[in-house]
Amino acid sequence: VITRHGKPAGVLIGFETEDDWLEYRLENDPRFLQRIAKARTSLRAGKGVRLEALK
């Protein structure tokens, strides 16, 4: 518990793994989310390469 002037002000919760921390950061990064949205739009428009085609 984080206190301010002796009163509870917040709770600090850690991440179980570094991967969990990275996932949280990406899920809350507006730039990353914009890139994902742009990529999905491109895929819906028929642009891009299917993963199966790369094998």
Protein backbone atom coordinates (compact mmCIF):
# COMPACT_ATOMS: atom_id res chain seq x y z
CA VAL A 1 0.00 0.00 0.00
CA ILE A 2 1.29 3.42 -0.93
CA THR A 3 0.47 6.15 1.54
CA ARG A 4 0.29 9.90 1.28
CA HIS A 5 0.46 11.87 4.49
CA GLY A 6 -0.09 8.62 6.40
CA LYS A 7 -3.28 7.67 4.53
CA PRO A 8 -3.66 4.96 1.87
CA ALA A 9 -3.32 6.46 -1.60
CA GLY A 10 -2.74 3.46 -3.84
CA VAL A 11 -1.62 -0.11 -4.23
CA LEU A 12 1.45 -1.23 -6.12
CA ILE A 13 0.91 -4.53 -7.89
CA GLY A 14 3.84 -6.22 -9.58
CA PHE A 15 3.92 -8.51 -12.57
CA GLU A 16 4.64 -12.20 -12.27
CA THR A 17 7.04 -12.24 -15.21
CA GLU A 18 8.83 -9.80 -17.47
CA ASP A 19 6.64 -11.04 -20.33
CA ASP A 20 3.53 -10.06 -18.35
CA TRP A 21 4.98 -6.58 -17.88
CA LEU A 22 5.79 -6.25 -21.60
CA GLU A 23 2.32 -7.46 -22.58
CA TYR A 24 0.74 -4.88 -20.28
CA ARG A 25 2.91 -2.12 -21.74
CA LEU A 26 1.98 -3.05 -25.31
CA GLU A 27 -1.74 -3.34 -24.54
CA ASN A 28 -1.67 0.19 -23.14
CA ASP A 29 0.60 1.88 -25.69
CA PRO A 30 -1.45 4.05 -28.09
CA ARG A 31 1.25 3.92 -30.78
CA PHE A 32 1.31 0.12 -30.71
CA LEU A 33 -2.48 -0.08 -30.78
CA GLN A 34 -2.56 2.25 -33.81
CA ARG A 35 -0.07 0.03 -35.63
CA ILE A 36 -2.18 -3.04 -34.90
CA ALA A 37 -5.34 -1.30 -36.14
CA LYS A 38 -3.58 -0.18 -39.32
CA ALA A 39 -2.26 -3.69 -39.95
CA ARG A 40 -5.71 -5.22 -39.45
CA THR A 41 -7.21 -2.70 -41.87
CA SER A 42 -4.58 -3.59 -44.46
CA LEU A 43 -5.25 -7.30 -44.03
CA ARG A 44 -9.00 -6.79 -44.45
CA ALA A 45 -8.26 -4.89 -47.67
CA GLY A 46 -6.44 -7.94 -49.02
CA LYS A 47 -2.95 -6.62 -48.46
CA GLY A 48 -0.36 -8.68 -46.68
CA VAL A 49 0.84 -12.26 -46.80
CA ARG A 50 -0.73 -15.16 -44.95
CA LEU A 51 1.57 -16.96 -42.53
CA GLU A 52 0.97 -20.23 -44.38
CA ALA A 53 2.39 -18.67 -47.56
CA LEU A 54 5.72 -18.02 -45.84
CA LYS A 55 6.46 -21.69 -45.22
